[in-house]
Amino acid sequence: MSEKTSVIRTVMLIAVLFGVFILFASFYKQTTVNGLDVYAMQNVSVIHHPTLSEFFTSITNAASRPYQYAIYIFFTVIWLVVERKWIEPLVLGICLFGIRFENQWFKSLFERDRPMFDRVIEINGYSFPSGHAMISIAFFGFLAYLLVQNYSLMRSFKKIIYWLTAIFVVLVGFSRVYLGVHYPTDVLGGFAAGGTWLLICVLLYKMLVGLVKRKVHG
């Protein structure tokens, strides 16, 4: 596949994902969709168990802000200080801080109240879209992409790395529903919005790498 074709396909996928997000944002208040949200929350609350609650609380905490910042600082030090790379930490920072800003902006825009079912944890703020879902798919997804792109050992296990990342992101999303702090549409909308930003960051990264290569060889 040529680079131009790859870019076109990525742009098309960005448009599709953002369109999916718009659909969720437009229809979550509809009676039928809201009814499905409530039905799902009620059924998930039935499986609450202390062991499961501890597990999903750990999962949701692993994707929380302190861990995101710690991971970002860790890799920034490695890339900047050890490997003398600047594109990777720059774009990863844009990915992380950009998606956090987007999530806060979307939440203030839609102002959806959080569900009031059998909560396992208590949390404030608005519900749509889920910040954990949105940020985890963008940040951890892009981090996995950078690791695969930068290290030959990682490329040898590319499928495993991407699958493990996907499983973690899905578990984070489900944890928000299980813990009673988000509706399923919050999570699905978050995945769509976060996936959109992830692909935008991939395009930005490829563009910067291409510019540097042309400058070096030009």
N, C-alpha and C. Protein backbone atom coordinates (compact mmCIF):
# COMPACT_ATOMS: atom_id res chain seq x y z
N MET A 1 0.84 -1.20 0.00
CA MET A 1 0.00 0.00 0.00
C MET A 1 0.88 1.24 0.00
N SER A 2 0.62 2.17 -0.91
CA SER A 2 1.41 3.40 -0.97
C SER A 2 1.08 4.30 0.21
N GLU A 3 1.99 5.24 0.46
CA GLU A 3 1.80 6.16 1.57
C GLU A 3 0.56 7.03 1.36
N LYS A 4 0.35 7.45 0.10
CA LYS A 4 -0.80 8.28 -0.21
C LYS A 4 -2.10 7.53 0.04
N THR A 5 -2.15 6.25 -0.38
CA THR A 5 -3.34 5.44 -0.16
C THR A 5 -3.59 5.23 1.33
N SER A 6 -2.52 5.02 2.09
CA SER A 6 -2.63 4.83 3.53
C SER A 6 -3.21 6.07 4.20
N VAL A 7 -2.75 7.24 3.77
CA VAL A 7 -3.25 8.51 4.33
C VAL A 7 -4.73 8.69 4.01
N ILE A 8 -5.10 8.39 2.77
CA ILE A 8 -6.51 8.54 2.36
C ILE A 8 -7.40 7.62 3.19
N ARG A 9 -6.98 6.38 3.37
CA ARG A 9 -7.77 5.44 4.17
C ARG A 9 -7.88 5.89 5.62
N THR A 10 -6.78 6.42 6.14
CA THR A 10 -6.82 6.92 7.52
C THR A 10 -7.77 8.09 7.67
N VAL A 11 -7.73 9.01 6.73
CA VAL A 11 -8.64 10.16 6.75
C VAL A 11 -10.09 9.70 6.66
N MET A 12 -10.35 8.71 5.81
CA MET A 12 -11.71 8.18 5.68
C MET A 12 -12.17 7.55 6.99
N LEU A 13 -11.27 6.82 7.64
CA LEU A 13 -11.62 6.18 8.91
C LEU A 13 -11.86 7.23 9.99
N ILE A 14 -11.08 8.30 9.97
CA ILE A 14 -11.30 9.42 10.91
C ILE A 14 -12.71 9.98 10.73
N ALA A 15 -13.09 10.18 9.48
CA ALA A 15 -14.43 10.71 9.18
C ALA A 15 -15.52 9.77 9.67
N VAL A 16 -15.31 8.47 9.49
CA VAL A 16 -16.30 7.48 9.92
C VAL A 16 -16.43 7.48 11.45
N LEU A 17 -15.29 7.45 12.13
CA LEU A 17 -15.33 7.43 13.60
C LEU A 17 -15.96 8.69 14.17
N PHE A 18 -15.62 9.83 13.59
CA PHE A 18 -16.22 11.07 14.09
C PHE A 18 -17.71 11.08 13.80
N GLY A 19 -18.11 10.52 12.66
CA GLY A 19 -19.53 10.41 12.36
C GLY A 19 -20.25 9.53 13.36
N VAL A 20 -19.61 8.44 13.78
CA VAL A 20 -20.19 7.56 14.80
C VAL A 20 -20.35 8.32 16.12
N PHE A 21 -19.34 9.11 16.47
CA PHE A 21 -19.43 9.91 17.69
C PHE A 21 -20.60 10.88 17.61
N ILE A 22 -20.77 11.54 16.48
CA ILE A 22 -21.89 12.47 16.30
C ILE A 22 -23.23 11.75 16.46
N LEU A 23 -23.32 10.53 15.94
CA LEU A 23 -24.54 9.75 16.09
C LEU A 23 -24.85 9.49 17.56
N PHE A 24 -23.86 9.04 18.31
CA PHE A 24 -24.08 8.80 19.74
C PHE A 24 -24.45 10.09 20.47
N ALA A 25 -23.76 11.17 20.11
CA ALA A 25 -24.04 12.46 20.74
C ALA A 25 -25.45 12.96 20.42
N SER A 26 -25.95 12.59 19.25
CA SER A 26 -27.26 13.06 18.80
C SER A 26 -28.41 12.23 19.36
N PHE A 27 -28.14 10.93 19.61
CA PHE A 27 -29.25 10.02 19.91
C PHE A 27 -29.28 9.47 21.33
N TYR A 28 -28.28 9.78 22.17
CA TYR A 28 -28.30 9.17 23.50
C TYR A 28 -29.49 9.64 24.35
N LYS A 29 -30.06 10.81 23.99
CA LYS A 29 -31.21 11.30 24.76
C LYS A 29 -32.53 10.73 24.26
N GLN A 30 -32.51 10.08 23.10
CA GLN A 30 -33.74 9.51 22.56
C GLN A 30 -34.28 8.44 23.51
N THR A 31 -35.58 8.34 23.58
CA THR A 31 -36.23 7.43 24.54
C THR A 31 -35.76 5.99 24.37
N THR A 32 -35.68 5.52 23.13
CA THR A 32 -35.28 4.13 22.90
C THR A 32 -33.84 3.89 23.31
N VAL A 33 -32.95 4.79 22.92
CA VAL A 33 -31.53 4.64 23.25
C VAL A 33 -31.31 4.75 24.74
N ASN A 34 -31.98 5.73 25.36
CA ASN A 34 -31.86 5.89 26.81
C ASN A 34 -32.40 4.66 27.54
N GLY A 35 -33.47 4.07 26.99
CA GLY A 35 -34.02 2.86 27.59
C GLY A 35 -33.04 1.71 27.53
N LEU A 36 -32.32 1.58 26.41
CA LEU A 36 -31.30 0.54 26.28
C LEU A 36 -30.15 0.79 27.26
N ASP A 37 -29.78 2.05 27.43
CA ASP A 37 -28.74 2.40 28.40
C ASP A 37 -29.15 1.95 29.81
N VAL A 38 -30.37 2.29 30.18
CA VAL A 38 -30.87 1.95 31.52
C VAL A 38 -30.95 0.43 31.69
N TYR A 39 -31.44 -0.24 30.67
CA TYR A 39 -31.55 -1.70 30.71
C TYR A 39 -30.17 -2.35 30.92
N ALA A 40 -29.17 -1.84 30.19
CA ALA A 40 -27.82 -2.38 30.31
C ALA A 40 -27.26 -2.14 31.71
N MET A 41 -27.47 -0.93 32.23
CA MET A 41 -26.97 -0.61 33.57
C MET A 41 -27.60 -1.52 34.62
N GLN A 42 -28.88 -1.75 34.51
CA GLN A 42 -29.58 -2.60 35.47
C GLN A 42 -29.05 -4.03 35.44
N ASN A 43 -28.77 -4.53 34.25
CA ASN A 43 -28.29 -5.90 34.12
C ASN A 43 -26.84 -6.05 34.57
N VAL A 44 -26.03 -5.03 34.32
CA VAL A 44 -24.64 -5.08 34.77
C VAL A 44 -24.58 -5.03 36.30
N SER A 45 -25.45 -4.24 36.91
CA SER A 45 -25.42 -4.12 38.37
C SER A 45 -25.75 -5.45 39.05
N VAL A 46 -26.43 -6.35 38.33
CA VAL A 46 -26.79 -7.65 38.90
C VAL A 46 -25.54 -8.50 39.16
N ILE A 47 -24.50 -8.32 38.35
CA ILE A 47 -23.30 -9.16 38.49
C ILE A 47 -22.28 -8.57 39.47
N HIS A 48 -22.64 -7.51 40.16
CA HIS A 48 -21.71 -6.94 41.13
C HIS A 48 -21.28 -7.98 42.16
N HIS A 49 -19.98 -8.04 42.39
CA HIS A 49 -19.41 -8.96 43.36
C HIS A 49 -18.14 -8.31 43.89
N PRO A 50 -17.82 -8.48 45.17
CA PRO A 50 -16.63 -7.82 45.74
C PRO A 50 -15.35 -8.06 44.94
N THR A 51 -15.14 -9.29 44.48
CA THR A 51 -13.92 -9.59 43.72
C THR A 51 -13.92 -8.86 42.39
N LEU A 52 -15.07 -8.90 41.68
CA LEU A 52 -15.17 -8.18 40.41
C LEU A 52 -15.03 -6.67 40.62
N SER A 53 -15.63 -6.18 41.67
CA SER A 53 -15.56 -4.75 41.95
C SER A 53 -14.13 -4.31 42.19
N GLU A 54 -13.37 -5.13 42.91
CA GLU A 54 -11.96 -4.81 43.15
C GLU A 54 -11.16 -4.84 41.85
N PHE A 55 -11.46 -5.83 41.01
CA PHE A 55 -10.75 -5.96 39.74
C PHE A 55 -11.02 -4.76 38.83
N PHE A 56 -12.29 -4.41 38.65
CA PHE A 56 -12.61 -3.33 37.72
C PHE A 56 -12.24 -1.95 38.29
N THR A 57 -12.20 -1.84 39.62
CA THR A 57 -11.69 -0.60 40.20
C THR A 57 -10.21 -0.45 39.91
N SER A 58 -9.46 -1.56 39.98
CA SER A 58 -8.04 -1.53 39.65
C SER A 58 -7.82 -1.19 38.18
N ILE A 59 -8.66 -1.75 37.31
CA ILE A 59 -8.55 -1.47 35.88
C ILE A 59 -8.80 0.01 35.61
N THR A 60 -9.86 0.54 36.20
CA THR A 60 -10.19 1.94 35.95
C THR A 60 -9.14 2.88 36.53
N ASN A 61 -8.54 2.48 37.66
CA ASN A 61 -7.48 3.30 38.26
C ASN A 61 -6.21 3.28 37.41
N ALA A 62 -5.95 2.13 36.75
CA ALA A 62 -4.76 2.00 35.92
C ALA A 62 -4.80 2.94 34.72
N ALA A 63 -5.99 3.36 34.34
CA ALA A 63 -6.15 4.28 33.21
C ALA A 63 -6.42 5.70 33.68
N SER A 64 -6.17 6.00 34.92
CA SER A 64 -6.48 7.32 35.47
C SER A 64 -5.34 8.31 35.22
N ARG A 65 -5.59 9.54 35.52
CA ARG A 65 -4.66 10.63 35.21
C ARG A 65 -3.25 10.44 35.76
N PRO A 66 -3.06 10.07 37.05
CA PRO A 66 -1.69 9.94 37.56
C PRO A 66 -0.86 8.93 36.78
N TYR A 67 -1.46 7.81 36.39
CA TYR A 67 -0.73 6.80 35.63
C TYR A 67 -0.43 7.28 34.21
N GLN A 68 -1.37 8.00 33.62
CA GLN A 68 -1.13 8.55 32.28
C GLN A 68 0.07 9.49 32.31
N TYR A 69 0.10 10.39 33.28
CA TYR A 69 1.19 11.35 33.37
C TYR A 69 2.52 10.66 33.68
N ALA A 70 2.49 9.66 34.56
CA ALA A 70 3.71 8.93 34.91
C ALA A 70 4.28 8.21 33.69
N ILE A 71 3.40 7.58 32.92
CA ILE A 71 3.84 6.88 31.71
C ILE A 71 4.39 7.86 30.69
N TYR A 72 3.71 8.99 30.54
CA TYR A 72 4.18 10.00 29.58
C TYR A 72 5.56 10.53 29.98
N ILE A 73 5.74 10.84 31.25
CA ILE A 73 7.04 11.35 31.72
C ILE A 73 8.13 10.31 31.52
N PHE A 74 7.82 9.03 31.82
CA PHE A 74 8.79 7.95 31.69
C PHE A 74 9.30 7.86 30.25
N PHE A 75 8.40 7.81 29.30
CA PHE A 75 8.83 7.66 27.91
C PHE A 75 9.43 8.95 27.36
N THR A 76 8.99 10.09 27.86
CA THR A 76 9.58 11.35 27.44
C THR A 76 11.04 11.42 27.83
N VAL A 77 11.37 10.98 29.04
CA VAL A 77 12.76 10.96 29.50
C VAL A 77 13.59 10.02 28.63
N ILE A 78 13.06 8.84 28.35
CA ILE A 78 13.78 7.87 27.53
C ILE A 78 14.05 8.45 26.14
N TRP A 79 13.00 8.99 25.51
CA TRP A 79 13.15 9.48 24.14
C TRP A 79 14.00 10.74 24.06
N LEU A 80 13.78 11.68 24.96
CA LEU A 80 14.51 12.94 24.89
C LEU A 80 15.95 12.81 25.38
N VAL A 81 16.12 12.21 26.55
CA VAL A 81 17.44 12.18 27.20
C VAL A 81 18.31 11.04 26.68
N VAL A 82 17.74 9.85 26.59
CA VAL A 82 18.53 8.67 26.21
C VAL A 82 18.68 8.54 24.70
N GLU A 83 17.57 8.67 23.98
CA GLU A 83 17.60 8.40 22.53
C GLU A 83 17.65 9.65 21.67
N ARG A 84 17.59 10.82 22.30
CA ARG A 84 17.66 12.09 21.57
C ARG A 84 16.56 12.19 20.49
N LYS A 85 15.38 11.76 20.81
CA LYS A 85 14.25 11.86 19.90
C LYS A 85 13.28 12.91 20.43
N TRP A 86 12.73 13.73 19.53
CA TRP A 86 11.80 14.77 19.98
C TRP A 86 10.39 14.61 19.40
N ILE A 87 10.28 13.96 18.25
CA ILE A 87 8.96 13.82 17.63
C ILE A 87 8.03 12.97 18.49
N GLU A 88 8.54 11.84 18.98
CA GLU A 88 7.72 10.92 19.76
C GLU A 88 7.14 11.56 21.03
N PRO A 89 7.97 12.18 21.89
CA PRO A 89 7.37 12.81 23.08
C PRO A 89 6.48 14.00 22.75
N LEU A 90 6.82 14.72 21.68
CA LEU A 90 5.99 15.87 21.28
C LEU A 90 4.59 15.41 20.91
N VAL A 91 4.49 14.44 20.00
CA VAL A 91 3.18 14.01 19.52
C VAL A 91 2.43 13.23 20.60
N LEU A 92 3.15 12.46 21.42
CA LEU A 92 2.48 11.76 22.52
C LEU A 92 1.90 12.77 23.51
N GLY A 93 2.61 13.87 23.74
CA GLY A 93 2.09 14.93 24.60
C GLY A 93 0.87 15.60 24.01
N ILE A 94 0.93 15.87 22.70
CA ILE A 94 -0.23 16.43 22.00
C ILE A 94 -1.41 15.49 22.12
N CYS A 95 -1.13 14.18 21.97
CA CYS A 95 -2.19 13.18 22.07
C CYS A 95 -2.84 13.20 23.46
N LEU A 96 -2.01 13.17 24.50
CA LEU A 96 -2.53 13.09 25.87
C LEU A 96 -3.25 14.36 26.28
N PHE A 97 -2.58 15.49 26.17
CA PHE A 97 -3.18 16.73 26.65
C PHE A 97 -4.31 17.21 25.74
N GLY A 98 -4.18 16.91 24.45
CA GLY A 98 -5.25 17.26 23.53
C GLY A 98 -6.52 16.49 23.81
N ILE A 99 -6.40 15.20 24.06
CA ILE A 99 -7.59 14.39 24.30
C ILE A 99 -8.23 14.72 25.64
N ARG A 100 -7.42 15.09 26.62
CA ARG A 100 -7.98 15.49 27.90
C ARG A 100 -8.78 16.78 27.76
N PHE A 101 -8.23 17.73 26.99
CA PHE A 101 -8.95 18.99 26.75
C PHE A 101 -10.24 18.73 25.99
N GLU A 102 -10.17 17.89 24.95
CA GLU A 102 -11.36 17.57 24.17
C GLU A 102 -12.44 16.97 25.04
N ASN A 103 -12.06 16.06 25.92
CA ASN A 103 -13.05 15.39 26.77
C ASN A 103 -13.76 16.39 27.68
N GLN A 104 -12.99 17.28 28.28
CA GLN A 104 -13.60 18.28 29.15
C GLN A 104 -14.52 19.21 28.36
N TRP A 105 -14.11 19.54 27.15
CA TRP A 105 -14.93 20.42 26.31
C TRP A 105 -16.23 19.73 25.92
N PHE A 106 -16.14 18.47 25.51
CA PHE A 106 -17.35 17.73 25.15
C PHE A 106 -18.29 17.59 26.34
N LYS A 107 -17.74 17.29 27.51
CA LYS A 107 -18.59 17.11 28.69
C LYS A 107 -19.31 18.41 29.05
N SER A 108 -18.60 19.52 28.96
CA SER A 108 -19.25 20.80 29.25
C SER A 108 -20.26 21.17 28.18
N LEU A 109 -20.07 20.65 26.97
CA LEU A 109 -21.00 20.92 25.88
C LEU A 109 -22.29 20.14 26.05
N PHE A 110 -22.19 18.85 26.39
CA PHE A 110 -23.37 17.99 26.44
C PHE A 110 -24.03 17.96 27.83
N GLU A 111 -23.24 18.12 28.89
CA GLU A 111 -23.76 18.20 30.26
C GLU A 111 -24.73 17.05 30.59
N ARG A 112 -24.36 15.86 30.24
CA ARG A 112 -25.20 14.70 30.57
C ARG A 112 -24.92 14.25 32.00
N ASP A 113 -25.97 14.10 32.79
CA ASP A 113 -25.80 13.64 34.17
C ASP A 113 -25.36 12.18 34.20
N ARG A 114 -24.57 11.85 35.19
CA ARG A 114 -24.13 10.47 35.34
C ARG A 114 -25.30 9.60 35.80
N PRO A 115 -25.22 8.29 35.50
CA PRO A 115 -26.29 7.39 35.94
C PRO A 115 -26.36 7.32 37.46
N MET A 116 -27.54 7.04 37.97
CA MET A 116 -27.76 6.98 39.42
C MET A 116 -28.17 5.57 39.85
N PHE A 117 -27.48 4.57 39.31
CA PHE A 117 -27.80 3.19 39.67
C PHE A 117 -26.91 2.75 40.83
N ASP A 118 -26.72 1.47 40.94
CA ASP A 118 -25.94 0.91 42.04
C ASP A 118 -24.46 1.17 41.80
N ARG A 119 -23.98 2.32 42.25
CA ARG A 119 -22.59 2.69 42.01
C ARG A 119 -21.65 1.95 42.95
N VAL A 120 -20.50 1.55 42.40
CA VAL A 120 -19.45 0.94 43.21
C VAL A 120 -18.51 2.01 43.74
N ILE A 121 -18.31 3.06 42.94
CA ILE A 121 -17.49 4.19 43.35
C ILE A 121 -18.28 5.47 43.14
N GLU A 122 -17.86 6.53 43.79
CA GLU A 122 -18.50 7.83 43.62
C GLU A 122 -17.59 8.77 42.86
N ILE A 123 -18.17 9.55 41.97
CA ILE A 123 -17.40 10.46 41.14
C ILE A 123 -18.29 11.62 40.72
N ASN A 124 -17.68 12.77 40.55
CA ASN A 124 -18.43 13.96 40.13
C ASN A 124 -18.24 14.21 38.64
N GLY A 125 -18.87 15.24 38.15
CA GLY A 125 -18.71 15.63 36.75
C GLY A 125 -19.78 15.04 35.85
N TYR A 126 -19.70 15.42 34.59
CA TYR A 126 -20.68 14.96 33.61
C TYR A 126 -20.29 13.61 33.03
N SER A 127 -21.23 13.04 32.25
CA SER A 127 -21.10 11.65 31.85
C SER A 127 -20.67 11.42 30.41
N PHE A 128 -21.14 12.24 29.47
CA PHE A 128 -20.87 11.99 28.05
C PHE A 128 -19.86 12.97 27.48
N PRO A 129 -18.83 12.44 26.80
CA PRO A 129 -18.44 11.03 26.67
C PRO A 129 -17.55 10.60 27.82
N SER A 130 -17.40 9.30 27.99
CA SER A 130 -16.55 8.78 29.06
C SER A 130 -15.11 9.21 28.84
N GLY A 131 -14.54 9.88 29.84
CA GLY A 131 -13.14 10.30 29.73
C GLY A 131 -12.19 9.13 29.72
N HIS A 132 -12.48 8.13 30.57
CA HIS A 132 -11.60 6.96 30.61
C HIS A 132 -11.58 6.24 29.27
N ALA A 133 -12.76 6.07 28.65
CA ALA A 133 -12.81 5.40 27.35
C ALA A 133 -12.12 6.24 26.29
N MET A 134 -12.42 7.50 26.27
CA MET A 134 -11.89 8.40 25.25
C MET A 134 -10.37 8.54 25.34
N ILE A 135 -9.88 8.74 26.55
CA ILE A 135 -8.45 8.97 26.74
C ILE A 135 -7.65 7.67 26.62
N SER A 136 -8.20 6.57 27.12
CA SER A 136 -7.44 5.31 27.08
C SER A 136 -7.20 4.83 25.66
N ILE A 137 -8.23 4.92 24.79
CA ILE A 137 -8.03 4.45 23.42
C ILE A 137 -7.07 5.36 22.66
N ALA A 138 -7.11 6.66 22.94
CA ALA A 138 -6.21 7.59 22.25
C ALA A 138 -4.79 7.48 22.78
N PHE A 139 -4.62 7.59 24.08
CA PHE A 139 -3.27 7.64 24.67
C PHE A 139 -2.58 6.28 24.62
N PHE A 140 -3.23 5.26 25.16
CA PHE A 140 -2.58 3.94 25.18
C PHE A 140 -2.48 3.35 23.77
N GLY A 141 -3.47 3.65 22.94
CA GLY A 141 -3.40 3.19 21.55
C GLY A 141 -2.24 3.83 20.82
N PHE A 142 -2.06 5.13 21.00
CA PHE A 142 -0.96 5.82 20.31
C PHE A 142 0.39 5.41 20.89
N LEU A 143 0.44 5.19 22.19
CA LEU A 143 1.69 4.72 22.81
C LEU A 143 2.09 3.36 22.23
N ALA A 144 1.12 2.45 22.09
CA ALA A 144 1.40 1.14 21.50
C ALA A 144 1.93 1.31 20.08
N TYR A 145 1.31 2.21 19.33
CA TYR A 145 1.74 2.48 17.96
C TYR A 145 3.19 2.99 17.92
N LEU A 146 3.54 3.91 18.81
CA LEU A 146 4.89 4.45 18.85
C LEU A 146 5.91 3.38 19.21
N LEU A 147 5.57 2.51 20.14
CA LEU A 147 6.50 1.45 20.54
C LEU A 147 6.76 0.50 19.36
N VAL A 148 5.72 0.16 18.64
CA VAL A 148 5.86 -0.73 17.49
C VAL A 148 6.69 -0.05 16.39
N GLN A 149 6.49 1.24 16.20
CA GLN A 149 7.19 1.96 15.14
C GLN A 149 8.67 2.17 15.46
N ASN A 150 9.00 2.24 16.74
CA ASN A 150 10.36 2.64 17.12
C ASN A 150 11.29 1.49 17.50
N TYR A 151 10.74 0.32 17.79
CA TYR A 151 11.59 -0.77 18.28
C TYR A 151 11.32 -2.05 17.50
N SER A 152 12.39 -2.61 16.93
CA SER A 152 12.25 -3.81 16.10
C SER A 152 11.69 -4.98 16.90
N LEU A 153 12.07 -5.08 18.17
CA LEU A 153 11.55 -6.17 19.00
C LEU A 153 10.04 -6.06 19.14
N MET A 154 9.55 -4.83 19.31
CA MET A 154 8.12 -4.61 19.42
C MET A 154 7.40 -4.94 18.11
N ARG A 155 8.06 -4.62 17.00
CA ARG A 155 7.45 -4.93 15.70
C ARG A 155 7.27 -6.42 15.50
N SER A 156 8.17 -7.22 16.09
CA SER A 156 8.07 -8.67 15.98
C SER A 156 6.83 -9.20 16.70
N PHE A 157 6.37 -8.44 17.70
CA PHE A 157 5.19 -8.85 18.46
C PHE A 157 4.05 -7.84 18.29
N LYS A 158 4.00 -7.24 17.10
CA LYS A 158 3.04 -6.16 16.85
C LYS A 158 1.60 -6.58 17.14
N LYS A 159 1.18 -7.70 16.61
CA LYS A 159 -0.20 -8.13 16.80
C LYS A 159 -0.53 -8.35 18.27
N ILE A 160 0.41 -8.96 18.99
CA ILE A 160 0.19 -9.20 20.42
C ILE A 160 0.05 -7.89 21.17
N ILE A 161 0.94 -6.94 20.87
CA ILE A 161 0.90 -5.64 21.55
C ILE A 161 -0.41 -4.92 21.28
N TYR A 162 -0.83 -4.93 20.03
CA TYR A 162 -2.08 -4.26 19.68
C TYR A 162 -3.29 -4.96 20.30
N TRP A 163 -3.27 -6.28 20.32
CA TRP A 163 -4.39 -7.02 20.94
C TRP A 163 -4.44 -6.79 22.44
N LEU A 164 -3.30 -6.80 23.11
CA LEU A 164 -3.28 -6.55 24.55
C LEU A 164 -3.76 -5.15 24.87
N THR A 165 -3.34 -4.19 24.04
CA THR A 165 -3.80 -2.81 24.23
C THR A 165 -5.30 -2.71 24.04
N ALA A 166 -5.81 -3.37 23.00
CA ALA A 166 -7.25 -3.34 22.73
C ALA A 166 -8.04 -3.97 23.87
N ILE A 167 -7.55 -5.10 24.40
CA ILE A 167 -8.23 -5.76 25.51
C ILE A 167 -8.25 -4.85 26.73
N PHE A 168 -7.13 -4.20 27.01
CA PHE A 168 -7.07 -3.28 28.16
C PHE A 168 -8.05 -2.13 27.99
N VAL A 169 -8.09 -1.56 26.80
CA VAL A 169 -8.99 -0.43 26.54
C VAL A 169 -10.45 -0.85 26.70
N VAL A 170 -10.81 -2.02 26.18
CA VAL A 170 -12.18 -2.53 26.32
C VAL A 170 -12.52 -2.76 27.78
N LEU A 171 -11.59 -3.31 28.54
CA LEU A 171 -11.82 -3.54 29.97
C LEU A 171 -12.01 -2.21 30.70
N VAL A 172 -11.23 -1.21 30.32
CA VAL A 172 -11.39 0.12 30.94
C VAL A 172 -12.79 0.65 30.65
N GLY A 173 -13.22 0.52 29.40
CA GLY A 173 -14.56 0.99 29.04
C GLY A 173 -15.64 0.26 29.81
N PHE A 174 -15.54 -1.07 29.88
CA PHE A 174 -16.55 -1.83 30.60
C PHE A 174 -16.52 -1.52 32.09
N SER A 175 -15.33 -1.25 32.61
CA SER A 175 -15.22 -0.95 34.05
C SER A 175 -16.05 0.27 34.42
N ARG A 176 -16.16 1.23 33.51
CA ARG A 176 -16.92 2.44 33.81
C ARG A 176 -18.42 2.16 33.91
N VAL A 177 -18.88 1.21 33.08
CA VAL A 177 -20.28 0.79 33.17
C VAL A 177 -20.49 -0.06 34.41
N TYR A 178 -19.60 -1.00 34.65
CA TYR A 178 -19.70 -1.88 35.81
C TYR A 178 -19.73 -1.08 37.11
N LEU A 179 -18.86 -0.08 37.20
CA LEU A 179 -18.76 0.71 38.42
C LEU A 179 -19.92 1.68 38.59
N GLY A 180 -20.78 1.78 37.57
CA GLY A 180 -21.99 2.58 37.67
C GLY A 180 -21.81 4.06 37.45
N VAL A 181 -20.69 4.45 36.80
CA VAL A 181 -20.44 5.88 36.62
C VAL A 181 -20.63 6.36 35.18
N HIS A 182 -20.92 5.41 34.26
CA HIS A 182 -21.16 5.77 32.87
C HIS A 182 -22.19 4.84 32.24
N TYR A 183 -22.97 5.41 31.32
CA TYR A 183 -23.84 4.59 30.48
C TYR A 183 -23.01 3.96 29.36
N PRO A 184 -23.50 2.87 28.76
CA PRO A 184 -22.79 2.29 27.61
C PRO A 184 -22.57 3.28 26.47
N THR A 185 -23.54 4.15 26.21
CA THR A 185 -23.35 5.12 25.12
C THR A 185 -22.26 6.13 25.44
N ASP A 186 -22.03 6.41 26.72
CA ASP A 186 -20.92 7.27 27.10
C ASP A 186 -19.60 6.63 26.69
N VAL A 187 -19.49 5.33 26.94
CA VAL A 187 -18.27 4.60 26.64
C VAL A 187 -18.07 4.45 25.13
N LEU A 188 -19.13 4.05 24.43
CA LEU A 188 -19.02 3.88 22.98
C LEU A 188 -18.74 5.20 22.28
N GLY A 189 -19.38 6.27 22.75
CA GLY A 189 -19.09 7.59 22.20
C GLY A 189 -17.67 8.01 22.49
N GLY A 190 -17.19 7.66 23.69
CA GLY A 190 -15.81 7.97 24.05
C GLY A 190 -14.82 7.23 23.17
N PHE A 191 -15.11 5.96 22.89
CA PHE A 191 -14.24 5.19 22.01
C PHE A 191 -14.18 5.82 20.61
N ALA A 192 -15.33 6.25 20.11
CA ALA A 192 -15.37 6.84 18.77
C ALA A 192 -14.59 8.15 18.73
N ALA A 193 -14.79 9.00 19.73
CA ALA A 193 -14.08 10.28 19.77
C ALA A 193 -12.58 10.07 20.00
N GLY A 194 -12.24 9.16 20.91
CA GLY A 194 -10.84 8.87 21.18
C GLY A 194 -10.14 8.23 19.99
N GLY A 195 -10.85 7.34 19.30
CA GLY A 195 -10.28 6.72 18.11
C GLY A 195 -10.02 7.74 17.02
N THR A 196 -10.90 8.73 16.91
CA THR A 196 -10.70 9.81 15.95
C THR A 196 -9.42 10.56 16.25
N TRP A 197 -9.21 10.92 17.50
CA TRP A 197 -8.02 11.66 17.89
C TRP A 197 -6.76 10.81 17.74
N LEU A 198 -6.87 9.52 18.04
CA LEU A 198 -5.74 8.60 17.87
C LEU A 198 -5.24 8.62 16.43
N LEU A 199 -6.15 8.51 15.48
CA LEU A 199 -5.75 8.48 14.07
C LEU A 199 -5.21 9.83 13.60
N ILE A 200 -5.76 10.92 14.15
CA ILE A 200 -5.21 12.25 13.82
C ILE A 200 -3.77 12.35 14.29
N CYS A 201 -3.48 11.82 15.48
CA CYS A 201 -2.12 11.85 16.02
C CYS A 201 -1.18 10.96 15.20
N VAL A 202 -1.69 9.85 14.70
CA VAL A 202 -0.89 8.98 13.84
C VAL A 202 -0.51 9.73 12.56
N LEU A 203 -1.47 10.42 11.98
CA LEU A 203 -1.18 11.20 10.77
C LEU A 203 -0.16 12.30 11.06
N LEU A 204 -0.31 12.97 12.19
CA LEU A 204 0.63 14.03 12.56
C LEU A 204 2.03 13.47 12.74
N TYR A 205 2.11 12.33 13.39
CA TYR A 205 3.42 11.69 13.61
C TYR A 205 4.07 11.33 12.28
N LYS A 206 3.31 10.70 11.39
CA LYS A 206 3.85 10.33 10.08
C LYS A 206 4.31 11.56 9.30
N MET A 207 3.56 12.64 9.39
CA MET A 207 3.90 13.86 8.69
C MET A 207 5.23 14.43 9.19
N LEU A 208 5.40 14.47 10.52
CA LEU A 208 6.63 15.02 11.10
C LEU A 208 7.83 14.14 10.78
N VAL A 209 7.64 12.82 10.87
CA VAL A 209 8.73 11.90 10.53
C VAL A 209 9.12 12.07 9.07
N GLY A 210 8.13 12.20 8.19
CA GLY A 210 8.40 12.39 6.78
C GLY A 210 9.14 13.69 6.51
N LEU A 211 8.76 14.76 7.20
CA LEU A 211 9.43 16.05 7.02
C LEU A 211 10.89 15.97 7.45
N VAL A 212 11.16 15.31 8.56
CA VAL A 212 12.53 15.17 9.05
C VAL A 212 13.37 14.35 8.07
N LYS A 213 12.80 13.27 7.56
CA LYS A 213 13.53 12.43 6.61
C LYS A 213 13.86 13.20 5.34
N ARG A 214 12.89 13.97 4.85
CA ARG A 214 13.15 14.75 3.64
C ARG A 214 14.21 15.82 3.87
N LYS A 215 14.22 16.39 5.09
CA LYS A 215 15.21 17.41 5.41
C LYS A 215 16.60 16.79 5.49
N VAL A 216 16.69 15.60 6.07
CA VAL A 216 17.97 14.93 6.21
C VAL A 216 18.53 14.51 4.86
N HIS A 217 17.65 14.00 4.00
CA HIS A 217 18.10 13.48 2.70
C HIS A 217 17.98 14.50 1.58
N GLY A 218 17.46 15.69 1.92
CA GLY A 218 17.27 16.68 0.87
C GLY A 218 18.43 17.59 0.70
